[in-house]
Amino acid sequence: MKCFKFIALALMSFLITLASTEAAGECGRMPIGQAAASLSPCLAATKNPRGKVPPVCCAKVGALIRTNPRCLCAVMLSPLAKNAGINPGVAIAVPKRCNIRNRPAGKRCGRYIVP
């Protein structure tokens, strides 16, 4: 199990490095790779709709929603997220699963609608 976590962390670091060359847009001055790295505690919760969302993930998602909600959508739909195996349909529900009240409910994120 430790080996799997190490490999997953190494893969995520590699993908973040690759994504850091992308232009910052929806995430303002923060490169999308850096925004994705800040949400790494959420990785397991974005793959399993019934999995427990760690409190640190909820804190990171809440902070990103307060500062730049469009960035969260951009991260979830990015090639980086796809390469990491994130399911956008599951990831879009993380703010609701965290009971974040100020989430952009009803807003579109690609072909998904924030619950």
PDB file of N, CA and C in Angstrom:
ATOM      1  N   MET A   1       0.821  -1.191   0.000  1.00  0.00           N
ATOM      2  CA  MET A   1       0.000   0.000   0.000  1.00  0.00           C
ATOM      3  C   MET A   1       0.869   1.260   0.000  1.00  0.00           C
ATOM      4  N   LYS A   2       1.974   1.216   0.777  1.00  0.00           N
ATOM      5  CA  LYS A   2       2.865   2.371   0.812  1.00  0.00           C
ATOM      6  C   LYS A   2       3.489   2.611  -0.552  1.00  0.00           C
ATOM      7  N   CYS A   3       3.803   1.525  -1.241  1.00  0.00           N
ATOM      8  CA  CYS A   3       4.390   1.642  -2.573  1.00  0.00           C
ATOM      9  C   CYS A   3       3.406   2.304  -3.532  1.00  0.00           C
ATOM     10  N   PHE A   4       2.126   1.916  -3.447  1.00  0.00           N
ATOM     11  CA  PHE A   4       1.095   2.507  -4.294  1.00  0.00           C
ATOM     12  C   PHE A   4       0.972   4.006  -4.034  1.00  0.00           C
ATOM     13  N   LYS A   5       0.979   4.396  -2.754  1.00  0.00           N
ATOM     14  CA  LYS A   5       0.876   5.821  -2.410  1.00  0.00           C
ATOM     15  C   LYS A   5       2.070   6.590  -2.940  1.00  0.00           C
ATOM     16  N   PHE A   6       3.274   6.006  -2.828  1.00  0.00           N
ATOM     17  CA  PHE A   6       4.466   6.662  -3.323  1.00  0.00           C
ATOM     18  C   PHE A   6       4.392   6.846  -4.834  1.00  0.00           C
ATOM     19  N   ILE A   7       3.968   5.793  -5.538  1.00  0.00           N
ATOM     20  CA  ILE A   7       3.852   5.868  -6.997  1.00  0.00           C
ATOM     21  C   ILE A   7       2.803   6.908  -7.388  1.00  0.00           C
ATOM     22  N   ALA A   8       1.673   6.926  -6.685  1.00  0.00           N
ATOM     23  CA  ALA A   8       0.631   7.910  -6.986  1.00  0.00           C
ATOM     24  C   ALA A   8       1.145   9.327  -6.759  1.00  0.00           C
ATOM     25  N   LEU A   9       1.882   9.537  -5.666  1.00  0.00           N
ATOM     26  CA  LEU A   9       2.435  10.861  -5.370  1.00  0.00           C
ATOM     27  C   LEU A   9       3.462  11.264  -6.423  1.00  0.00           C
ATOM     28  N   ALA A  10       4.312  10.324  -6.821  1.00  0.00           N
ATOM     29  CA  ALA A  10       5.314  10.609  -7.843  1.00  0.00           C
ATOM     30  C   ALA A  10       4.645  10.948  -9.173  1.00  0.00           C
ATOM     31  N   LEU A  11       3.606  10.202  -9.521  1.00  0.00           N
ATOM     32  CA  LEU A  11       2.882  10.461 -10.762  1.00  0.00           C
ATOM     33  C   LEU A  11       2.215  11.839 -10.720  1.00  0.00           C
ATOM     34  N   MET A  12       1.593  12.160  -9.598  1.00  0.00           N
ATOM     35  CA  MET A  12       0.938  13.458  -9.459  1.00  0.00           C
ATOM     36  C   MET A  12       1.965  14.583  -9.580  1.00  0.00           C
ATOM     37  N   SER A  13       3.127  14.427  -8.957  1.00  0.00           N
ATOM     38  CA  SER A  13       4.176  15.442  -9.047  1.00  0.00           C
ATOM     39  C   SER A  13       4.634  15.622 -10.483  1.00  0.00           C
ATOM     40  N   PHE A  14       4.809  14.513 -11.187  1.00  0.00           N
ATOM     41  CA  PHE A  14       5.207  14.580 -12.582  1.00  0.00           C
ATOM     42  C   PHE A  14       4.165  15.299 -13.428  1.00  0.00           C
ATOM     43  N   LEU A  15       2.893  14.957 -13.217  1.00  0.00           N
ATOM     44  CA  LEU A  15       1.817  15.587 -13.981  1.00  0.00           C
ATOM     45  C   LEU A  15       1.716  17.076 -13.671  1.00  0.00           C
ATOM     46  N   ILE A  16       1.946  17.440 -12.427  1.00  0.00           N
ATOM     47  CA  ILE A  16       1.913  18.858 -12.052  1.00  0.00           C
ATOM     48  C   ILE A  16       3.034  19.603 -12.750  1.00  0.00           C
ATOM     49  N   THR A  17       4.187  18.980 -12.826  1.00  0.00           N
ATOM     50  CA  THR A  17       5.311  19.607 -13.519  1.00  0.00           C
ATOM     51  C   THR A  17       4.966  19.830 -14.981  1.00  0.00           C
ATOM     52  N   LEU A  18       4.351  18.832 -15.607  1.00  0.00           N
ATOM     53  CA  LEU A  18       3.947  18.983 -17.005  1.00  0.00           C
ATOM     54  C   LEU A  18       2.906  20.083 -17.168  1.00  0.00           C
ATOM     55  N   ALA A  19       1.961  20.144 -16.254  1.00  0.00           N
ATOM     56  CA  ALA A  19       0.877  21.113 -16.360  1.00  0.00           C
ATOM     57  C   ALA A  19       1.342  22.524 -16.051  1.00  0.00           C
ATOM     58  N   SER A  20       2.468  22.674 -15.374  1.00  0.00           N
ATOM     59  CA  SER A  20       2.910  24.016 -15.009  1.00  0.00           C
ATOM     60  C   SER A  20       3.289  24.849 -16.226  1.00  0.00           C
ATOM     61  N   THR A  21       3.458  24.193 -17.377  1.00  0.00           N
ATOM     62  CA  THR A  21       3.768  24.930 -18.593  1.00  0.00           C
ATOM     63  C   THR A  21       2.518  25.527 -19.225  1.00  0.00           C
ATOM     64  N   GLU A  22       1.324  25.111 -18.757  1.00  0.00           N
ATOM     65  CA  GLU A  22       0.082  25.653 -19.297  1.00  0.00           C
ATOM     66  C   GLU A  22      -0.100  27.098 -18.843  1.00  0.00           C
ATOM     67  N   ALA A  23      -0.743  27.886 -19.647  1.00  0.00           N
ATOM     68  CA  ALA A  23      -0.988  29.281 -19.304  1.00  0.00           C
ATOM     69  C   ALA A  23      -1.999  29.384 -18.182  1.00  0.00           C
ATOM     70  N   ALA A  24      -1.780  30.334 -17.297  1.00  0.00           N
ATOM     71  CA  ALA A  24      -2.752  30.590 -16.229  1.00  0.00           C
ATOM     72  C   ALA A  24      -3.911  31.347 -16.850  1.00  0.00           C
ATOM     73  N   GLY A  25      -5.083  30.922 -16.574  1.00  0.00           N
ATOM     74  CA  GLY A  25      -6.263  31.565 -17.116  1.00  0.00           C
ATOM     75  C   GLY A  25      -7.315  31.666 -16.051  1.00  0.00           C
ATOM     76  N   GLU A  26      -8.126  30.627 -15.919  1.00  0.00           N
ATOM     77  CA  GLU A  26      -9.197  30.627 -14.937  1.00  0.00           C
ATOM     78  C   GLU A  26      -8.679  30.696 -13.511  1.00  0.00           C
ATOM     79  N   CYS A  27      -7.438  30.330 -13.297  1.00  0.00           N
ATOM     80  CA  CYS A  27      -6.873  30.331 -11.948  1.00  0.00           C
ATOM     81  C   CYS A  27      -6.056  31.591 -11.668  1.00  0.00           C
ATOM     82  N   GLY A  28      -6.227  32.588 -12.511  1.00  0.00           N
ATOM     83  CA  GLY A  28      -5.517  33.851 -12.291  1.00  0.00           C
ATOM     84  C   GLY A  28      -4.023  33.680 -12.460  1.00  0.00           C
ATOM     85  N   ARG A  29      -3.269  34.207 -11.513  1.00  0.00           N
ATOM     86  CA  ARG A  29      -1.812  34.116 -11.600  1.00  0.00           C
ATOM     87  C   ARG A  29      -1.281  32.756 -11.190  1.00  0.00           C
ATOM     88  N   MET A  30      -2.114  31.977 -10.509  1.00  0.00           N
ATOM     89  CA  MET A  30      -1.686  30.652 -10.074  1.00  0.00           C
ATOM     90  C   MET A  30      -1.778  29.689 -11.252  1.00  0.00           C
ATOM     91  N   PRO A  31      -0.680  29.024 -11.598  1.00  0.00           N
ATOM     92  CA  PRO A  31      -0.761  28.023 -12.671  1.00  0.00           C
ATOM     93  C   PRO A  31      -1.732  26.912 -12.282  1.00  0.00           C
ATOM     94  N   ILE A  32      -2.420  26.379 -13.253  1.00  0.00           N
ATOM     95  CA  ILE A  32      -3.430  25.354 -12.974  1.00  0.00           C
ATOM     96  C   ILE A  32      -2.801  24.133 -12.304  1.00  0.00           C
ATOM     97  N   GLY A  33      -1.558  23.839 -12.623  1.00  0.00           N
ATOM     98  CA  GLY A  33      -0.868  22.734 -11.980  1.00  0.00           C
ATOM     99  C   GLY A  33      -0.684  22.953 -10.493  1.00  0.00           C
ATOM    100  N   GLN A  34      -0.412  24.185 -10.120  1.00  0.00           N
ATOM    101  CA  GLN A  34      -0.266  24.519  -8.698  1.00  0.00           C
ATOM    102  C   GLN A  34      -1.609  24.412  -7.989  1.00  0.00           C
ATOM    103  N   ALA A  35      -2.674  24.862  -8.646  1.00  0.00           N
ATOM    104  CA  ALA A  35      -4.015  24.742  -8.071  1.00  0.00           C
ATOM    105  C   ALA A  35      -4.379  23.275  -7.901  1.00  0.00           C
ATOM    106  N   ALA A  36      -4.042  22.460  -8.889  1.00  0.00           N
ATOM    107  CA  ALA A  36      -4.327  21.027  -8.807  1.00  0.00           C
ATOM    108  C   ALA A  36      -3.536  20.387  -7.664  1.00  0.00           C
ATOM    109  N   ALA A  37      -2.296  20.801  -7.502  1.00  0.00           N
ATOM    110  CA  ALA A  37      -1.467  20.246  -6.421  1.00  0.00           C
ATOM    111  C   ALA A  37      -2.059  20.576  -5.057  1.00  0.00           C
ATOM    112  N   SER A  38      -2.631  21.762  -4.926  1.00  0.00           N
ATOM    113  CA  SER A  38      -3.218  22.140  -3.640  1.00  0.00           C
ATOM    114  C   SER A  38      -4.432  21.269  -3.310  1.00  0.00           C
ATOM    115  N   LEU A  39      -5.039  20.683  -4.331  1.00  0.00           N
ATOM    116  CA  LEU A  39      -6.214  19.834  -4.129  1.00  0.00           C
ATOM    117  C   LEU A  39      -5.856  18.344  -4.074  1.00  0.00           C
ATOM    118  N   SER A  40      -4.585  18.020  -3.978  1.00  0.00           N
ATOM    119  CA  SER A  40      -4.182  16.615  -3.951  1.00  0.00           C
ATOM    120  C   SER A  40      -4.798  15.819  -2.796  1.00  0.00           C
ATOM    121  N   PRO A  41      -5.135  16.429  -1.640  1.00  0.00           N
ATOM    122  CA  PRO A  41      -5.806  15.636  -0.606  1.00  0.00           C
ATOM    123  C   PRO A  41      -7.190  15.128  -1.042  1.00  0.00           C
ATOM    124  N   CYS A  42      -7.706  15.648  -2.135  1.00  0.00           N
ATOM    125  CA  CYS A  42      -9.034  15.270  -2.619  1.00  0.00           C
ATOM    126  C   CYS A  42      -8.995  14.142  -3.644  1.00  0.00           C
ATOM    127  N   LEU A  43      -7.822  13.693  -3.996  1.00  0.00           N
ATOM    128  CA  LEU A  43      -7.691  12.755  -5.111  1.00  0.00           C
ATOM    129  C   LEU A  43      -8.577  11.517  -4.958  1.00  0.00           C
ATOM    130  N   ALA A  44      -8.547  10.885  -3.819  1.00  0.00           N
ATOM    131  CA  ALA A  44      -9.370   9.671  -3.639  1.00  0.00           C
ATOM    132  C   ALA A  44     -10.858   9.986  -3.702  1.00  0.00           C
ATOM    133  N   ALA A  45     -11.260  11.140  -3.175  1.00  0.00           N
ATOM    134  CA  ALA A  45     -12.680  11.524  -3.155  1.00  0.00           C
ATOM    135  C   ALA A  45     -13.209  11.845  -4.545  1.00  0.00           C
ATOM    136  N   THR A  46     -12.321  12.134  -5.496  1.00  0.00           N
ATOM    137  CA  THR A  46     -12.753  12.453  -6.856  1.00  0.00           C
ATOM    138  C   THR A  46     -12.929  11.212  -7.723  1.00  0.00           C
ATOM    139  N   LYS A  47     -12.608  10.073  -7.148  1.00  0.00           N
ATOM    140  CA  LYS A  47     -12.729   8.823  -7.893  1.00  0.00           C
ATOM    141  C   LYS A  47     -13.865   7.950  -7.381  1.00  0.00           C
ATOM    142  N   ASN A  48     -14.264   8.153  -6.136  1.00  0.00           N
ATOM    143  CA  ASN A  48     -15.278   7.312  -5.508  1.00  0.00           C
ATOM    144  C   ASN A  48     -16.394   8.190  -4.939  1.00  0.00           C
ATOM    145  N   PRO A  49     -17.595   8.134  -5.515  1.00  0.00           N
ATOM    146  CA  PRO A  49     -18.679   9.001  -5.045  1.00  0.00           C
ATOM    147  C   PRO A  49     -19.149   8.695  -3.627  1.00  0.00           C
ATOM    148  N   ARG A  50     -18.802   7.536  -3.113  1.00  0.00           N
ATOM    149  CA  ARG A  50     -19.214   7.167  -1.750  1.00  0.00           C
ATOM    150  C   ARG A  50     -18.070   7.244  -0.758  1.00  0.00           C
ATOM    151  N   GLY A  51     -16.884   7.591  -1.248  1.00  0.00           N
ATOM    152  CA  GLY A  51     -15.722   7.671  -0.372  1.00  0.00           C
ATOM    153  C   GLY A  51     -15.806   8.874   0.563  1.00  0.00           C
ATOM    154  N   LYS A  52     -15.142   8.764   1.697  1.00  0.00           N
ATOM    155  CA  LYS A  52     -15.106   9.856   2.659  1.00  0.00           C
ATOM    156  C   LYS A  52     -14.211  10.961   2.122  1.00  0.00           C
ATOM    157  N   VAL A  53     -14.676  12.194   2.249  1.00  0.00           N
ATOM    158  CA  VAL A  53     -13.888  13.340   1.819  1.00  0.00           C
ATOM    159  C   VAL A  53     -13.100  13.831   3.039  1.00  0.00           C
ATOM    160  N   PRO A  54     -11.773  13.823   2.958  1.00  0.00           N
ATOM    161  CA  PRO A  54     -10.979  14.254   4.102  1.00  0.00           C
ATOM    162  C   PRO A  54     -11.229  15.729   4.445  1.00  0.00           C
ATOM    163  N   PRO A  55     -11.206  16.078   5.732  1.00  0.00           N
ATOM    164  CA  PRO A  55     -11.411  17.476   6.136  1.00  0.00           C
ATOM    165  C   PRO A  55     -10.428  18.439   5.484  1.00  0.00           C
ATOM    166  N   VAL A  56      -9.180  18.007   5.279  1.00  0.00           N
ATOM    167  CA  VAL A  56      -8.204  18.888   4.642  1.00  0.00           C
ATOM    168  C   VAL A  56      -8.610  19.178   3.194  1.00  0.00           C
ATOM    169  N   CYS A  57      -9.220  18.207   2.534  1.00  0.00           N
ATOM    170  CA  CYS A  57      -9.722  18.417   1.179  1.00  0.00           C
ATOM    171  C   CYS A  57     -10.825  19.469   1.202  1.00  0.00           C
ATOM    172  N   CYS A  58     -11.755  19.323   2.131  1.00  0.00           N
ATOM    173  CA  CYS A  58     -12.865  20.279   2.230  1.00  0.00           C
ATOM    174  C   CYS A  58     -12.356  21.688   2.489  1.00  0.00           C
ATOM    175  N   ALA A  59     -11.327  21.809   3.319  1.00  0.00           N
ATOM    176  CA  ALA A  59     -10.749  23.127   3.608  1.00  0.00           C
ATOM    177  C   ALA A  59     -10.134  23.729   2.349  1.00  0.00           C
ATOM    178  N   LYS A  60      -9.408  22.916   1.587  1.00  0.00           N
ATOM    179  CA  LYS A  60      -8.768  23.403   0.350  1.00  0.00           C
ATOM    180  C   LYS A  60      -9.822  23.790  -0.693  1.00  0.00           C
ATOM    181  N   VAL A  61     -10.845  22.963  -0.852  1.00  0.00           N
ATOM    182  CA  VAL A  61     -11.904  23.251  -1.823  1.00  0.00           C
ATOM    183  C   VAL A  61     -12.662  24.509  -1.412  1.00  0.00           C
ATOM    184  N   GLY A  62     -12.983  24.632  -0.133  1.00  0.00           N
ATOM    185  CA  GLY A  62     -13.680  25.822   0.357  1.00  0.00           C
ATOM    186  C   GLY A  62     -12.887  27.089   0.118  1.00  0.00           C
ATOM    187  N   ALA A  63     -11.585  27.025   0.362  1.00  0.00           N
ATOM    188  CA  ALA A  63     -10.727  28.196   0.136  1.00  0.00           C
ATOM    189  C   ALA A  63     -10.678  28.559  -1.339  1.00  0.00           C
ATOM    190  N   LEU A  64     -10.584  27.566  -2.200  1.00  0.00           N
ATOM    191  CA  LEU A  64     -10.538  27.839  -3.638  1.00  0.00           C
ATOM    192  C   LEU A  64     -11.862  28.403  -4.134  1.00  0.00           C
ATOM    193  N   ILE A  65     -12.971  27.912  -3.611  1.00  0.00           N
ATOM    194  CA  ILE A  65     -14.279  28.441  -4.005  1.00  0.00           C
ATOM    195  C   ILE A  65     -14.416  29.897  -3.567  1.00  0.00           C
ATOM    196  N   ARG A  66     -13.914  30.215  -2.379  1.00  0.00           N
ATOM    197  CA  ARG A  66     -13.987  31.610  -1.898  1.00  0.00           C
ATOM    198  C   ARG A  66     -13.139  32.547  -2.747  1.00  0.00           C
ATOM    199  N   THR A  67     -11.953  32.084  -3.156  1.00  0.00           N
ATOM    200  CA  THR A  67     -11.050  32.971  -3.887  1.00  0.00           C
ATOM    201  C   THR A  67     -11.277  32.959  -5.395  1.00  0.00           C
ATOM    202  N   ASN A  68     -11.576  31.774  -5.960  1.00  0.00           N
ATOM    203  CA  ASN A  68     -11.715  31.686  -7.411  1.00  0.00           C
ATOM    204  C   ASN A  68     -12.471  30.416  -7.810  1.00  0.00           C
ATOM    205  N   PRO A  69     -13.800  30.447  -7.762  1.00  0.00           N
ATOM    206  CA  PRO A  69     -14.576  29.242  -8.070  1.00  0.00           C
ATOM    207  C   PRO A  69     -14.379  28.718  -9.493  1.00  0.00           C
ATOM    208  N   ARG A  70     -14.079  29.587 -10.430  1.00  0.00           N
ATOM    209  CA  ARG A  70     -13.849  29.131 -11.811  1.00  0.00           C
ATOM    210  C   ARG A  70     -12.605  28.251 -11.905  1.00  0.00           C
ATOM    211  N   CYS A  71     -11.657  28.503 -11.010  1.00  0.00           N
ATOM    212  CA  CYS A  71     -10.425  27.725 -11.007  1.00  0.00           C
ATOM    213  C   CYS A  71     -10.715  26.271 -10.656  1.00  0.00           C
ATOM    214  N   LEU A  72     -11.611  26.044  -9.713  1.00  0.00           N
ATOM    215  CA  LEU A  72     -11.956  24.681  -9.324  1.00  0.00           C
ATOM    216  C   LEU A  72     -12.501  23.910 -10.522  1.00  0.00           C
ATOM    217  N   CYS A  73     -13.360  24.524 -11.274  1.00  0.00           N
ATOM    218  CA  CYS A  73     -13.915  23.901 -12.472  1.00  0.00           C
ATOM    219  C   CYS A  73     -12.800  23.626 -13.487  1.00  0.00           C
ATOM    220  N   ALA A  74     -11.930  24.589 -13.681  1.00  0.00           N
ATOM    221  CA  ALA A  74     -10.839  24.420 -14.640  1.00  0.00           C
ATOM    222  C   ALA A  74      -9.931  23.260 -14.254  1.00  0.00           C
ATOM    223  N   VAL A  75      -9.659  23.116 -12.964  1.00  0.00           N
ATOM    224  CA  VAL A  75      -8.819  22.015 -12.503  1.00  0.00           C
ATOM    225  C   VAL A  75      -9.515  20.682 -12.762  1.00  0.00           C
ATOM    226  N   MET A  76     -10.795  20.598 -12.435  1.00  0.00           N
ATOM    227  CA  MET A  76     -11.526  19.337 -12.596  1.00  0.00           C
ATOM    228  C   MET A  76     -11.637  18.900 -14.055  1.00  0.00           C
ATOM    229  N   LEU A  77     -11.645  19.849 -14.964  1.00  0.00           N
ATOM    230  CA  LEU A  77     -11.790  19.522 -16.386  1.00  0.00           C
ATOM    231  C   LEU A  77     -10.464  19.519 -17.143  1.00  0.00           C
ATOM    232  N   SER A  78      -9.373  19.753 -16.436  1.00  0.00           N
ATOM    233  CA  SER A  78      -8.063  19.864 -17.082  1.00  0.00           C
ATOM    234  C   SER A  78      -7.534  18.505 -17.536  1.00  0.00           C
ATOM    235  N   PRO A  79      -6.641  18.522 -18.513  1.00  0.00           N
ATOM    236  CA  PRO A  79      -5.980  17.276 -18.915  1.00  0.00           C
ATOM    237  C   PRO A  79      -5.219  16.639 -17.747  1.00  0.00           C
ATOM    238  N   LEU A  80      -4.708  17.460 -16.851  1.00  0.00           N
ATOM    239  CA  LEU A  80      -4.012  16.957 -15.675  1.00  0.00           C
ATOM    240  C   LEU A  80      -4.937  16.073 -14.843  1.00  0.00           C
ATOM    241  N   ALA A  81      -6.165  16.528 -14.620  1.00  0.00           N
ATOM    242  CA  ALA A  81      -7.136  15.752 -13.843  1.00  0.00           C
ATOM    243  C   ALA A  81      -7.470  14.447 -14.567  1.00  0.00           C
ATOM    244  N   LYS A  82      -7.633  14.531 -15.860  1.00  0.00           N
ATOM    245  CA  LYS A  82      -7.945  13.332 -16.643  1.00  0.00           C
ATOM    246  C   LYS A  82      -6.807  12.325 -16.534  1.00  0.00           C
ATOM    247  N   ASN A  83      -5.578  12.799 -16.645  1.00  0.00           N
ATOM    248  CA  ASN A  83      -4.420  11.912 -16.551  1.00  0.00           C
ATOM    249  C   ASN A  83      -4.279  11.306 -15.158  1.00  0.00           C
ATOM    250  N   ALA A  84      -4.757  12.002 -14.136  1.00  0.00           N
ATOM    251  CA  ALA A  84      -4.684  11.497 -12.762  1.00  0.00           C
ATOM    252  C   ALA A  84      -5.833  10.535 -12.453  1.00  0.00           C
ATOM    253  N   GLY A  85      -6.753  10.346 -13.402  1.00  0.00           N
ATOM    254  CA  GLY A  85      -7.860   9.408 -13.207  1.00  0.00           C
ATOM    255  C   GLY A  85      -9.043  10.003 -12.465  1.00  0.00           C
ATOM    256  N   ILE A  86      -9.115  11.329 -12.412  1.00  0.00           N
ATOM    257  CA  ILE A  86     -10.219  11.989 -11.721  1.00  0.00           C
ATOM    258  C   ILE A  86     -11.476  11.890 -12.575  1.00  0.00           C
ATOM    259  N   ASN A  87     -12.578  11.530 -11.943  1.00  0.00           N
ATOM    260  CA  ASN A  87     -13.871  11.457 -12.607  1.00  0.00           C
ATOM    261  C   ASN A  87     -14.564  12.805 -12.394  1.00  0.00           C
ATOM    262  N   PRO A  88     -14.705  13.637 -13.437  1.00  0.00           N
ATOM    263  CA  PRO A  88     -15.306  14.961 -13.253  1.00  0.00           C
ATOM    264  C   PRO A  88     -16.716  14.915 -12.674  1.00  0.00           C
ATOM    265  N   GLY A  89     -17.484  13.900 -13.030  1.00  0.00           N
ATOM    266  CA  GLY A  89     -18.834  13.767 -12.495  1.00  0.00           C
ATOM    267  C   GLY A  89     -18.841  13.544 -10.990  1.00  0.00           C
ATOM    268  N   VAL A  90     -17.820  12.894 -10.483  1.00  0.00           N
ATOM    269  CA  VAL A  90     -17.686  12.673  -9.041  1.00  0.00           C
ATOM    270  C   VAL A  90     -17.046  13.897  -8.398  1.00  0.00           C
ATOM    271  N   ALA A  91     -16.024  14.440  -9.053  1.00  0.00           N
ATOM    272  CA  ALA A  91     -15.297  15.596  -8.509  1.00  0.00           C
ATOM    273  C   ALA A  91     -16.196  16.816  -8.346  1.00  0.00           C
ATOM    274  N   ILE A  92     -17.128  17.011  -9.250  1.00  0.00           N
ATOM    275  CA  ILE A  92     -18.017  18.179  -9.199  1.00  0.00           C
ATOM    276  C   ILE A  92     -18.880  18.177  -7.943  1.00  0.00           C
ATOM    277  N   ALA A  93     -19.077  17.000  -7.359  1.00  0.00           N
ATOM    278  CA  ALA A  93     -19.915  16.885  -6.159  1.00  0.00           C
ATOM    279  C   ALA A  93     -19.127  17.009  -4.855  1.00  0.00           C
ATOM    280  N   VAL A  94     -17.816  17.114  -4.916  1.00  0.00           N
ATOM    281  CA  VAL A  94     -17.017  17.212  -3.691  1.00  0.00           C
ATOM    282  C   VAL A  94     -17.433  18.404  -2.824  1.00  0.00           C
ATOM    283  N   PRO A  95     -17.646  19.599  -3.379  1.00  0.00           N
ATOM    284  CA  PRO A  95     -18.083  20.703  -2.507  1.00  0.00           C
ATOM    285  C   PRO A  95     -19.388  20.404  -1.766  1.00  0.00           C
ATOM    286  N   LYS A  96     -20.316  19.724  -2.420  1.00  0.00           N
ATOM    287  CA  LYS A  96     -21.569  19.357  -1.745  1.00  0.00           C
ATOM    288  C   LYS A  96     -21.307  18.314  -0.674  1.00  0.00           C
ATOM    289  N   ARG A  97     -20.468  17.343  -0.998  1.00  0.00           N
ATOM    290  CA  ARG A  97     -20.127  16.306  -0.025  1.00  0.00           C
ATOM    291  C   ARG A  97     -19.401  16.898   1.181  1.00  0.00           C
ATOM    292  N   CYS A  98     -18.764  18.046   0.994  1.00  0.00           N
ATOM    293  CA  CYS A  98     -18.090  18.748   2.096  1.00  0.00           C
ATOM    294  C   CYS A  98     -19.046  19.684   2.843  1.00  0.00           C
ATOM    295  N   ASN A  99     -20.282  19.775   2.378  1.00  0.00           N
ATOM    296  CA  ASN A  99     -21.277  20.690   2.960  1.00  0.00           C
ATOM    297  C   ASN A  99     -20.833  22.149   2.894  1.00  0.00           C
ATOM    298  N   ILE A 100     -20.211  22.518   1.777  1.00  0.00           N
ATOM    299  CA  ILE A 100     -19.798  23.911   1.573  1.00  0.00           C
ATOM    300  C   ILE A 100     -21.020  24.683   1.121  1.00  0.00           C
ATOM    301  N   ARG A 101     -21.403  25.645   1.898  1.00  0.00           N
ATOM    302  CA  ARG A 101     -22.653  26.380   1.624  1.00  0.00           C
ATOM    303  C   ARG A 101     -22.525  27.386   0.488  1.00  0.00           C
ATOM    304  N   ASN A 102     -21.360  27.990   0.333  1.00  0.00           N
ATOM    305  CA  ASN A 102     -21.211  29.025  -0.690  1.00  0.00           C
ATOM    306  C   ASN A 102     -20.725  28.476  -2.029  1.00  0.00           C
ATOM    307  N   ARG A 103     -20.936  27.181  -2.268  1.00  0.00           N
ATOM    308  CA  ARG A 103     -20.523  26.588  -3.544  1.00  0.00           C
ATOM    309  C   ARG A 103     -21.395  27.156  -4.669  1.00  0.00           C
ATOM    310  N   PRO A 104     -20.877  27.172  -5.876  1.00  0.00           N
ATOM    311  CA  PRO A 104     -21.642  27.714  -7.003  1.00  0.00           C
ATOM    312  C   PRO A 104     -22.699  26.733  -7.515  1.00  0.00           C
ATOM    313  N   ALA A 105     -23.629  26.342  -6.654  1.00  0.00           N
ATOM    314  CA  ALA A 105     -24.660  25.366  -7.018  1.00  0.00           C
ATOM    315  C   ALA A 105     -25.477  25.870  -8.198  1.00  0.00           C
ATOM    316  N   GLY A 106     -25.748  24.968  -9.120  1.00  0.00           N
ATOM    317  CA  GLY A 106     -26.534  25.305 -10.302  1.00  0.00           C
ATOM    318  C   GLY A 106     -25.709  25.868 -11.442  1.00  0.00           C
ATOM    319  N   LYS A 107     -24.452  26.177 -11.205  1.00  0.00           N
ATOM    320  CA  LYS A 107     -23.578  26.716 -12.266  1.00  0.00           C
ATOM    321  C   LYS A 107     -23.024  25.561 -13.087  1.00  0.00           C
ATOM    322  N   ARG A 108     -22.744  25.851 -14.331  1.00  0.00           N
ATOM    323  CA  ARG A 108     -22.193  24.841 -15.230  1.00  0.00           C
ATOM    324  C   ARG A 108     -20.679  24.781 -15.079  1.00  0.00           C
ATOM    325  N   CYS A 109     -20.181  23.571 -15.166  1.00  0.00           N
ATOM    326  CA  CYS A 109     -18.745  23.319 -15.205  1.00  0.00           C
ATOM    327  C   CYS A 109     -18.570  22.334 -16.346  1.00  0.00           C
ATOM    328  N   GLY A 110     -18.290  22.859 -17.517  1.00  0.00           N
ATOM    329  CA  GLY A 110     -18.265  22.004 -18.700  1.00  0.00           C
ATOM    330  C   GLY A 110     -19.646  21.457 -18.953  1.00  0.00           C
ATOM    331  N   ARG A 111     -19.759  20.147 -19.084  1.00  0.00           N
ATOM    332  CA  ARG A 111     -21.077  19.535 -19.294  1.00  0.00           C
ATOM    333  C   ARG A 111     -21.749  19.146 -17.991  1.00  0.00           C
ATOM    334  N   TYR A 112     -21.131  19.504 -16.876  1.00  0.00           N
ATOM    335  CA  TYR A 112     -21.666  19.164 -15.555  1.00  0.00           C
ATOM    336  C   TYR A 112     -22.298  20.386 -14.904  1.00  0.00           C
ATOM    337  N   ILE A 113     -23.235  20.137 -14.000  1.00  0.00           N
ATOM    338  CA  ILE A 113     -23.854  21.219 -13.224  1.00  0.00           C
ATOM    339  C   ILE A 113     -23.519  20.970 -11.769  1.00  0.00           C
ATOM    340  N   VAL A 114     -23.013  22.000 -11.103  1.00  0.00           N
ATOM    341  CA  VAL A 114     -22.619  21.880  -9.700  1.00  0.00           C
ATOM    342  C   VAL A 114     -23.845  21.612  -8.847  1.00  0.00           C
ATOM    343  N   PRO A 115     -23.826  20.502  -8.079  1.00  0.00           N
ATOM    344  CA  PRO A 115     -24.982  20.182  -7.224  1.00  0.00           C
ATOM    345  C   PRO A 115     -25.046  21.072  -5.984  1.00  0.00           C
TER     346      PRO A 115
END
